[in-house]
Amino acid sequence: MKRWFLSLLVPGYRALQHGNRRRALAWQGVFVALFVVAGLTSVWSSPAGGALFLVVFVACCIAGSRDGRDRGAPATLQPHEWAWMIAPQVLVVLILAIPAWRRSIVGLEVYVTPTRSNVPTLHAGDRFVVSRRVRPAVRGEMILFRAPDGTGQVHIKRIVGIAGDVVAGGPTGFTVNGHTVRDDTVDAFGPVTVAPGHAFVLGDNVKNSRDSRHYGSIQKEAITGHPLYVVWSKQWRNIGRTLR
């Protein structure tokens, strides 16, 4: 009973008992991949997602516990083999299940789009992975930042102007240094010269976006991350989309 219980909880336990390290390593890989995907998508943050994760996890555990049942009597694992089996699981769970550790060690975090300010690039409810490793601002790149309007809210917008650029907008679209970069029709504003150490940002859905037109340019110190790709969306075609 004890061995069956352990084989159910520790992927690869039974395969290792029968001396098959490759199969044991394969089961460990399945376990790690499951938690990596769940951790990066934060699937367990909702009841439905948590239930789905639990079903898949239990199915993997049951399949792993049956591996090698027809291969004779199992051997007793040595202490170093126990450590080899358990260490990867403990490490993965700690890193991916604790957000603070995930940010500092892995450098990645998952955010949920709260508004429609970046449609069609991002839709409300989309989950996307963000790199916490901040780098210099680049025109055309999307960034995550804390809005300078005193609310402390985290926004995601696209950089259209960097230090020294002159940005303006109106019925004919947006211009940067006199060149049209977007043809969206908006109320006239500018021209505005972007200050050193700042970036001028806009939402992709400019008619439904609160951005630098309302609260000014963003200081580089306010940038908290760079969106990488969409991991979940009700718009199926958006899943896997690279955010650049």
C-alpha atoms as a PDB file:
ATOM      1  CA  MET A   1       0.000   0.000   0.000  1.00  0.00           C
ATOM      2  CA  LYS A   2       2.833   2.382   0.933  1.00  0.00           C
ATOM      3  CA  ARG A   3       4.663   1.754  -2.344  1.00  0.00           C
ATOM      4  CA  TRP A   4       1.474   2.221  -4.358  1.00  0.00           C
ATOM      5  CA  PHE A   5       0.807   5.530  -2.609  1.00  0.00           C
ATOM      6  CA  LEU A   6       4.360   6.738  -3.281  1.00  0.00           C
ATOM      7  CA  SER A   7       4.186   5.655  -6.924  1.00  0.00           C
ATOM      8  CA  LEU A   8       0.993   7.678  -7.237  1.00  0.00           C
ATOM      9  CA  LEU A   9       2.486  10.861  -5.772  1.00  0.00           C
ATOM     10  CA  VAL A  10       6.008  10.697  -7.212  1.00  0.00           C
ATOM     11  CA  PRO A  11       6.112  10.525 -11.042  1.00  0.00           C
ATOM     12  CA  GLY A  12       8.695   7.992 -12.201  1.00  0.00           C
ATOM     13  CA  TYR A  13       8.923   6.235  -8.827  1.00  0.00           C
ATOM     14  CA  ARG A  14       7.844   2.835 -10.131  1.00  0.00           C
ATOM     15  CA  ALA A  15      10.007   3.060 -13.260  1.00  0.00           C
ATOM     16  CA  LEU A  16      13.053   3.819 -11.110  1.00  0.00           C
ATOM     17  CA  GLN A  17      12.208   0.900  -8.839  1.00  0.00           C
ATOM     18  CA  HIS A  18      12.590  -1.359 -11.842  1.00  0.00           C
ATOM     19  CA  GLY A  19      15.933   0.189 -12.777  1.00  0.00           C
ATOM     20  CA  ASN A  20      14.671   2.178 -15.768  1.00  0.00           C
ATOM     21  CA  ARG A  21      16.193   5.630 -15.225  1.00  0.00           C
ATOM     22  CA  ARG A  22      15.222   6.881 -18.666  1.00  0.00           C
ATOM     23  CA  ARG A  23      11.537   6.216 -18.108  1.00  0.00           C
ATOM     24  CA  ALA A  24      11.780   7.729 -14.627  1.00  0.00           C
ATOM     25  CA  LEU A  25      13.390  10.831 -16.128  1.00  0.00           C
ATOM     26  CA  ALA A  26      10.632  10.972 -18.754  1.00  0.00           C
ATOM     27  CA  TRP A  27       7.960  10.956 -16.043  1.00  0.00           C
ATOM     28  CA  GLN A  28       9.834  13.702 -14.201  1.00  0.00           C
ATOM     29  CA  GLY A  29       9.852  15.680 -17.448  1.00  0.00           C
ATOM     30  CA  VAL A  30       6.084  15.320 -17.763  1.00  0.00           C
ATOM     31  CA  PHE A  31       5.653  16.559 -14.197  1.00  0.00           C
ATOM     32  CA  VAL A  32       7.954  19.558 -14.712  1.00  0.00           C
ATOM     33  CA  ALA A  33       6.306  20.492 -18.027  1.00  0.00           C
ATOM     34  CA  LEU A  34       2.844  20.317 -16.444  1.00  0.00           C
ATOM     35  CA  PHE A  35       3.806  22.688 -13.641  1.00  0.00           C
ATOM     36  CA  VAL A  36       5.732  25.032 -15.942  1.00  0.00           C
ATOM     37  CA  VAL A  37       2.725  25.456 -18.227  1.00  0.00           C
ATOM     38  CA  ALA A  38       0.323  25.808 -15.292  1.00  0.00           C
ATOM     39  CA  GLY A  39       2.631  28.240 -13.511  1.00  0.00           C
ATOM     40  CA  LEU A  40       3.219  30.500 -16.486  1.00  0.00           C
ATOM     41  CA  THR A  41      -0.464  30.592 -17.446  1.00  0.00           C
ATOM     42  CA  SER A  42      -1.684  30.833 -13.826  1.00  0.00           C
ATOM     43  CA  VAL A  43      -4.341  28.295 -14.792  1.00  0.00           C
ATOM     44  CA  TRP A  44      -5.017  27.498 -11.142  1.00  0.00           C
ATOM     45  CA  SER A  45      -6.087  31.093 -10.434  1.00  0.00           C
ATOM     46  CA  SER A  46      -9.667  30.256 -11.500  1.00  0.00           C
ATOM     47  CA  PRO A  47     -11.913  27.411 -10.271  1.00  0.00           C
ATOM     48  CA  ALA A  48     -12.317  25.963 -13.767  1.00  0.00           C
ATOM     49  CA  GLY A  49      -8.589  26.161 -14.468  1.00  0.00           C
ATOM     50  CA  GLY A  50      -7.736  24.660 -11.093  1.00  0.00           C
ATOM     51  CA  ALA A  51     -10.124  21.772 -11.697  1.00  0.00           C
ATOM     52  CA  LEU A  52      -8.628  21.149 -15.148  1.00  0.00           C
ATOM     53  CA  PHE A  53      -5.091  21.173 -13.728  1.00  0.00           C
ATOM     54  CA  LEU A  54      -6.112  18.743 -10.977  1.00  0.00           C
ATOM     55  CA  VAL A  55      -7.710  16.316 -13.456  1.00  0.00           C
ATOM     56  CA  VAL A  56      -4.626  16.330 -15.713  1.00  0.00           C
ATOM     57  CA  PHE A  57      -2.266  15.994 -12.740  1.00  0.00           C
ATOM     58  CA  VAL A  58      -4.181  13.040 -11.258  1.00  0.00           C
ATOM     59  CA  ALA A  59      -4.326  11.352 -14.679  1.00  0.00           C
ATOM     60  CA  CYS A  60      -0.545  11.689 -15.035  1.00  0.00           C
ATOM     61  CA  CYS A  61      -0.016  10.343 -11.506  1.00  0.00           C
ATOM     62  CA  ILE A  62      -2.223   7.303 -12.151  1.00  0.00           C
ATOM     63  CA  ALA A  63      -0.487   6.582 -15.463  1.00  0.00           C
ATOM     64  CA  GLY A  64       2.911   6.874 -13.811  1.00  0.00           C
ATOM     65  CA  SER A  65       1.918   4.596 -10.935  1.00  0.00           C
ATOM     66  CA  ARG A  66       0.989   1.831 -13.384  1.00  0.00           C
ATOM     67  CA  ASP A  67       4.261   2.028 -15.309  1.00  0.00           C
ATOM     68  CA  GLY A  68       6.200  -1.209 -14.791  1.00  0.00           C
ATOM     69  CA  ARG A  69       3.527  -3.128 -12.872  1.00  0.00           C
ATOM     70  CA  ASP A  70       4.123  -6.191 -15.058  1.00  0.00           C
ATOM     71  CA  ARG A  71       7.924  -6.226 -14.696  1.00  0.00           C
ATOM     72  CA  GLY A  72       8.396  -8.285 -11.570  1.00  0.00           C
ATOM     73  CA  ALA A  73       9.145  -7.345  -7.974  1.00  0.00           C
ATOM     74  CA  PRO A  74      10.288  -3.722  -7.483  1.00  0.00           C
ATOM     75  CA  ALA A  75      13.543  -2.841  -5.744  1.00  0.00           C
ATOM     76  CA  THR A  76      13.909  -0.625  -2.688  1.00  0.00           C
ATOM     77  CA  LEU A  77      15.161   2.868  -3.548  1.00  0.00           C
ATOM     78  CA  GLN A  78      18.330   4.158  -1.926  1.00  0.00           C
ATOM     79  CA  PRO A  79      18.414   7.598  -0.199  1.00  0.00           C
ATOM     80  CA  HIS A  80      20.302   9.234  -3.075  1.00  0.00           C
ATOM     81  CA  GLU A  81      17.684   7.906  -5.498  1.00  0.00           C
ATOM     82  CA  TRP A  82      14.923   9.414  -3.371  1.00  0.00           C
ATOM     83  CA  ALA A  83      16.703  12.767  -3.482  1.00  0.00           C
ATOM     84  CA  TRP A  84      17.076  12.446  -7.253  1.00  0.00           C
ATOM     85  CA  MET A  85      13.344  11.831  -7.598  1.00  0.00           C
ATOM     86  CA  ILE A  86      11.972  14.453  -5.241  1.00  0.00           C
ATOM     87  CA  ALA A  87      14.337  17.425  -5.708  1.00  0.00           C
ATOM     88  CA  PRO A  88      13.073  18.497  -9.181  1.00  0.00           C
ATOM     89  CA  GLN A  89       9.461  18.429  -8.021  1.00  0.00           C
ATOM     90  CA  VAL A  90      10.111  20.494  -4.906  1.00  0.00           C
ATOM     91  CA  LEU A  91      12.144  23.053  -6.866  1.00  0.00           C
ATOM     92  CA  VAL A  92       9.579  23.453  -9.648  1.00  0.00           C
ATOM     93  CA  VAL A  93       6.651  23.765  -7.243  1.00  0.00           C
ATOM     94  CA  LEU A  94       8.409  26.389  -5.118  1.00  0.00           C
ATOM     95  CA  ILE A  95       9.505  28.506  -8.082  1.00  0.00           C
ATOM     96  CA  LEU A  96       6.277  28.390 -10.094  1.00  0.00           C
ATOM     97  CA  ALA A  97       3.685  28.276  -7.327  1.00  0.00           C
ATOM     98  CA  ILE A  98       5.108  31.298  -5.448  1.00  0.00           C
ATOM     99  CA  PRO A  99       4.783  34.442  -7.613  1.00  0.00           C
ATOM    100  CA  ALA A 100       7.539  36.380  -5.823  1.00  0.00           C
ATOM    101  CA  TRP A 101      10.042  33.573  -6.454  1.00  0.00           C
ATOM    102  CA  ARG A 102       8.873  33.206 -10.026  1.00  0.00           C
ATOM    103  CA  ARG A 103       9.547  36.878 -10.710  1.00  0.00           C
ATOM    104  CA  SER A 104      12.994  36.914  -9.123  1.00  0.00           C
ATOM    105  CA  ILE A 105      14.299  33.509 -10.266  1.00  0.00           C
ATOM    106  CA  VAL A 106      12.587  32.861 -13.576  1.00  0.00           C
ATOM    107  CA  GLY A 107      12.144  36.532 -14.495  1.00  0.00           C
ATOM    108  CA  LEU A 108       8.669  35.918 -15.904  1.00  0.00           C
ATOM    109  CA  GLU A 109       5.154  36.796 -14.779  1.00  0.00           C
ATOM    110  CA  VAL A 110       1.661  36.376 -16.181  1.00  0.00           C
ATOM    111  CA  TYR A 111      -0.786  39.266 -16.465  1.00  0.00           C
ATOM    112  CA  VAL A 112      -4.427  39.471 -17.485  1.00  0.00           C
ATOM    113  CA  THR A 113      -5.565  42.229 -19.842  1.00  0.00           C
ATOM    114  CA  PRO A 114      -8.304  44.157 -17.989  1.00  0.00           C
ATOM    115  CA  THR A 115      -9.490  46.433 -20.825  1.00  0.00           C
ATOM    116  CA  ARG A 116      -9.966  46.680 -24.595  1.00  0.00           C
ATOM    117  CA  SER A 117      -7.360  49.429 -25.002  1.00  0.00           C
ATOM    118  CA  ASN A 118      -5.095  47.227 -27.151  1.00  0.00           C
ATOM    119  CA  VAL A 119      -7.581  45.425 -29.398  1.00  0.00           C
ATOM    120  CA  PRO A 120      -6.892  43.648 -31.747  1.00  0.00           C
ATOM    121  CA  THR A 121      -3.427  42.853 -30.333  1.00  0.00           C
ATOM    122  CA  LEU A 122      -4.823  42.028 -26.884  1.00  0.00           C
ATOM    123  CA  HIS A 123      -8.431  41.396 -25.904  1.00  0.00           C
ATOM    124  CA  ALA A 124      -9.951  41.841 -22.452  1.00  0.00           C
ATOM    125  CA  GLY A 125      -9.210  38.704 -20.430  1.00  0.00           C
ATOM    126  CA  ASP A 126      -6.156  37.650 -22.450  1.00  0.00           C
ATOM    127  CA  ARG A 127      -3.301  36.202 -20.377  1.00  0.00           C
ATOM    128  CA  PHE A 128       0.185  37.102 -21.510  1.00  0.00           C
ATOM    129  CA  VAL A 129       3.716  36.416 -20.287  1.00  0.00           C
ATOM    130  CA  VAL A 130       5.868  39.374 -19.279  1.00  0.00           C
ATOM    131  CA  SER A 131       9.644  39.459 -18.962  1.00  0.00           C
ATOM    132  CA  ARG A 132      10.698  41.311 -15.826  1.00  0.00           C
ATOM    133  CA  ARG A 133      14.148  41.994 -17.261  1.00  0.00           C
ATOM    134  CA  VAL A 134      13.751  45.652 -18.209  1.00  0.00           C
ATOM    135  CA  ARG A 135      15.688  46.887 -21.232  1.00  0.00           C
ATOM    136  CA  PRO A 136      15.935  50.221 -23.080  1.00  0.00           C
ATOM    137  CA  ALA A 137      12.754  51.598 -24.658  1.00  0.00           C
ATOM    138  CA  VAL A 138      12.379  50.906 -28.383  1.00  0.00           C
ATOM    139  CA  ARG A 139       9.871  52.462 -30.772  1.00  0.00           C
ATOM    140  CA  GLY A 140       7.072  50.101 -31.694  1.00  0.00           C
ATOM    141  CA  GLU A 141       7.582  47.827 -28.675  1.00  0.00           C
ATOM    142  CA  MET A 142       4.890  47.119 -26.090  1.00  0.00           C
ATOM    143  CA  ILE A 143       5.757  47.739 -22.442  1.00  0.00           C
ATOM    144  CA  LEU A 144       4.232  47.227 -19.020  1.00  0.00           C
ATOM    145  CA  PHE A 145       4.415  50.204 -16.657  1.00  0.00           C
ATOM    146  CA  ARG A 146       2.807  51.931 -13.704  1.00  0.00           C
ATOM    147  CA  ALA A 147       0.674  54.822 -14.867  1.00  0.00           C
ATOM    148  CA  PRO A 148       1.939  58.249 -13.707  1.00  0.00           C
ATOM    149  CA  ASP A 149      -1.581  59.454 -12.853  1.00  0.00           C
ATOM    150  CA  GLY A 150      -1.294  58.499  -9.187  1.00  0.00           C
ATOM    151  CA  THR A 151      -3.580  55.447  -9.416  1.00  0.00           C
ATOM    152  CA  GLY A 152      -0.708  52.961  -9.287  1.00  0.00           C
ATOM    153  CA  GLN A 153      -2.398  50.882 -11.989  1.00  0.00           C
ATOM    154  CA  VAL A 154      -0.299  48.739 -14.304  1.00  0.00           C
ATOM    155  CA  HIS A 155      -0.855  49.539 -17.982  1.00  0.00           C
ATOM    156  CA  ILE A 156       0.285  47.915 -21.199  1.00  0.00           C
ATOM    157  CA  LYS A 157       0.833  50.234 -24.169  1.00  0.00           C
ATOM    158  CA  ARG A 158       3.007  50.596 -27.246  1.00  0.00           C
ATOM    159  CA  ILE A 159       5.933  53.015 -27.497  1.00  0.00           C
ATOM    160  CA  VAL A 160       5.597  55.441 -30.421  1.00  0.00           C
ATOM    161  CA  GLY A 161       8.172  58.019 -29.370  1.00  0.00           C
ATOM    162  CA  ILE A 162      11.413  58.034 -27.387  1.00  0.00           C
ATOM    163  CA  ALA A 163      13.588  60.834 -25.990  1.00  0.00           C
ATOM    164  CA  GLY A 164      13.871  63.739 -28.433  1.00  0.00           C
ATOM    165  CA  ASP A 165      11.021  62.638 -30.710  1.00  0.00           C
ATOM    166  CA  VAL A 166       8.253  65.083 -31.605  1.00  0.00           C
ATOM    167  CA  VAL A 167       4.845  63.390 -31.458  1.00  0.00           C
ATOM    168  CA  ALA A 168       1.573  64.845 -32.736  1.00  0.00           C
ATOM    169  CA  GLY A 169      -1.877  63.576 -33.693  1.00  0.00           C
ATOM    170  CA  GLY A 170      -5.110  64.640 -35.327  1.00  0.00           C
ATOM    171  CA  PRO A 171      -7.692  63.766 -38.000  1.00  0.00           C
ATOM    172  CA  THR A 172      -4.989  62.478 -40.360  1.00  0.00           C
ATOM    173  CA  GLY A 173      -3.323  60.209 -37.798  1.00  0.00           C
ATOM    174  CA  PHE A 174      -0.203  60.181 -35.607  1.00  0.00           C
ATOM    175  CA  THR A 175       3.150  61.558 -36.650  1.00  0.00           C
ATOM    176  CA  VAL A 176       6.626  61.146 -35.139  1.00  0.00           C
ATOM    177  CA  ASN A 177       9.208  63.692 -36.268  1.00  0.00           C
ATOM    178  CA  GLY A 178       6.884  64.652 -39.102  1.00  0.00           C
ATOM    179  CA  HIS A 179       6.412  61.106 -40.406  1.00  0.00           C
ATOM    180  CA  THR A 180       3.023  59.378 -40.198  1.00  0.00           C
ATOM    181  CA  VAL A 181       3.276  56.212 -38.085  1.00  0.00           C
ATOM    182  CA  ARG A 182      -0.436  55.480 -37.593  1.00  0.00           C
ATOM    183  CA  ASP A 183      -3.484  56.583 -39.557  1.00  0.00           C
ATOM    184  CA  ASP A 184      -5.977  56.456 -36.652  1.00  0.00           C
ATOM    185  CA  THR A 185      -8.318  59.447 -36.581  1.00  0.00           C
ATOM    186  CA  VAL A 186      -8.218  61.155 -33.148  1.00  0.00           C
ATOM    187  CA  ASP A 187      -8.711  64.553 -31.570  1.00  0.00           C
ATOM    188  CA  ALA A 188      -5.808  66.867 -32.286  1.00  0.00           C
ATOM    189  CA  PHE A 189      -2.963  67.013 -29.751  1.00  0.00           C
ATOM    190  CA  GLY A 190       0.658  68.158 -29.714  1.00  0.00           C
ATOM    191  CA  PRO A 191       3.168  68.526 -31.064  1.00  0.00           C
ATOM    192  CA  VAL A 192       4.876  67.141 -27.933  1.00  0.00           C
ATOM    193  CA  THR A 193       8.620  66.680 -27.547  1.00  0.00           C
ATOM    194  CA  VAL A 194       9.496  63.567 -25.541  1.00  0.00           C
ATOM    195  CA  ALA A 195      11.811  64.459 -22.639  1.00  0.00           C
ATOM    196  CA  PRO A 196      15.088  62.616 -21.968  1.00  0.00           C
ATOM    197  CA  GLY A 197      14.565  59.340 -20.107  1.00  0.00           C
ATOM    198  CA  HIS A 198      10.905  59.180 -21.167  1.00  0.00           C
ATOM    199  CA  ALA A 199       8.742  57.349 -23.725  1.00  0.00           C
ATOM    200  CA  PHE A 200       5.465  58.369 -25.361  1.00  0.00           C
ATOM    201  CA  VAL A 201       2.979  55.479 -25.389  1.00  0.00           C
ATOM    202  CA  LEU A 202      -0.357  54.764 -27.062  1.00  0.00           C
ATOM    203  CA  GLY A 203      -2.884  51.942 -26.885  1.00  0.00           C
ATOM    204  CA  ASP A 204      -3.391  49.979 -30.085  1.00  0.00           C
ATOM    205  CA  ASN A 205      -7.098  50.748 -29.759  1.00  0.00           C
ATOM    206  CA  VAL A 206      -6.539  54.499 -29.523  1.00  0.00           C
ATOM    207  CA  LYS A 207     -10.241  55.412 -29.482  1.00  0.00           C
ATOM    208  CA  ASN A 208     -10.682  53.403 -26.293  1.00  0.00           C
ATOM    209  CA  SER A 209      -7.345  53.983 -24.570  1.00  0.00           C
ATOM    210  CA  ARG A 210      -6.013  56.156 -21.766  1.00  0.00           C
ATOM    211  CA  ASP A 211      -2.336  56.780 -22.533  1.00  0.00           C
ATOM    212  CA  SER A 212       0.343  59.477 -22.924  1.00  0.00           C
ATOM    213  CA  ARG A 213      -2.190  61.802 -24.521  1.00  0.00           C
ATOM    214  CA  HIS A 214      -3.850  61.993 -21.103  1.00  0.00           C
ATOM    215  CA  TYR A 215      -1.066  61.565 -18.520  1.00  0.00           C
ATOM    216  CA  GLY A 216       2.060  62.471 -20.457  1.00  0.00           C
ATOM    217  CA  SER A 217       5.210  60.550 -21.308  1.00  0.00           C
ATOM    218  CA  ILE A 218       6.409  57.591 -19.219  1.00  0.00           C
ATOM    219  CA  GLN A 219       9.631  57.713 -17.231  1.00  0.00           C
ATOM    220  CA  LYS A 220      11.920  54.787 -17.953  1.00  0.00           C
ATOM    221  CA  GLU A 221      11.933  53.994 -14.211  1.00  0.00           C
ATOM    222  CA  ALA A 222       8.162  53.345 -14.432  1.00  0.00           C
ATOM    223  CA  ILE A 223       8.638  50.498 -16.928  1.00  0.00           C
ATOM    224  CA  THR A 224       8.193  47.182 -15.114  1.00  0.00           C
ATOM    225  CA  GLY A 225       8.401  44.655 -17.924  1.00  0.00           C
ATOM    226  CA  HIS A 226       8.109  43.702 -21.570  1.00  0.00           C
ATOM    227  CA  PRO A 227       5.199  41.528 -22.819  1.00  0.00           C
ATOM    228  CA  LEU A 228       6.380  38.445 -24.710  1.00  0.00           C
ATOM    229  CA  TYR A 229       3.443  36.352 -25.930  1.00  0.00           C
ATOM    230  CA  VAL A 230      -0.203  35.446 -25.294  1.00  0.00           C
ATOM    231  CA  VAL A 231      -0.719  32.156 -23.455  1.00  0.00           C
ATOM    232  CA  TRP A 232      -4.510  32.188 -23.204  1.00  0.00           C
ATOM    233  CA  SER A 233      -7.310  33.989 -25.001  1.00  0.00           C
ATOM    234  CA  LYS A 234     -10.978  33.483 -25.785  1.00  0.00           C
ATOM    235  CA  GLN A 235      -9.932  34.503 -29.291  1.00  0.00           C
ATOM    236  CA  TRP A 236      -8.263  31.210 -30.224  1.00  0.00           C
ATOM    237  CA  ARG A 237      -6.196  32.765 -32.996  1.00  0.00           C
ATOM    238  CA  ASN A 238      -4.585  35.043 -30.433  1.00  0.00           C
ATOM    239  CA  ILE A 239      -3.042  32.185 -28.394  1.00  0.00           C
ATOM    240  CA  GLY A 240       0.710  32.113 -28.953  1.00  0.00           C
ATOM    241  CA  ARG A 241       0.771  35.582 -30.463  1.00  0.00           C
ATOM    242  CA  THR A 242       4.104  37.366 -30.016  1.00  0.00           C
ATOM    243  CA  LEU A 243       3.742  40.803 -28.459  1.00  0.00           C
ATOM    244  CA  ARG A 244       6.215  43.181 -30.040  1.00  0.00           C
END
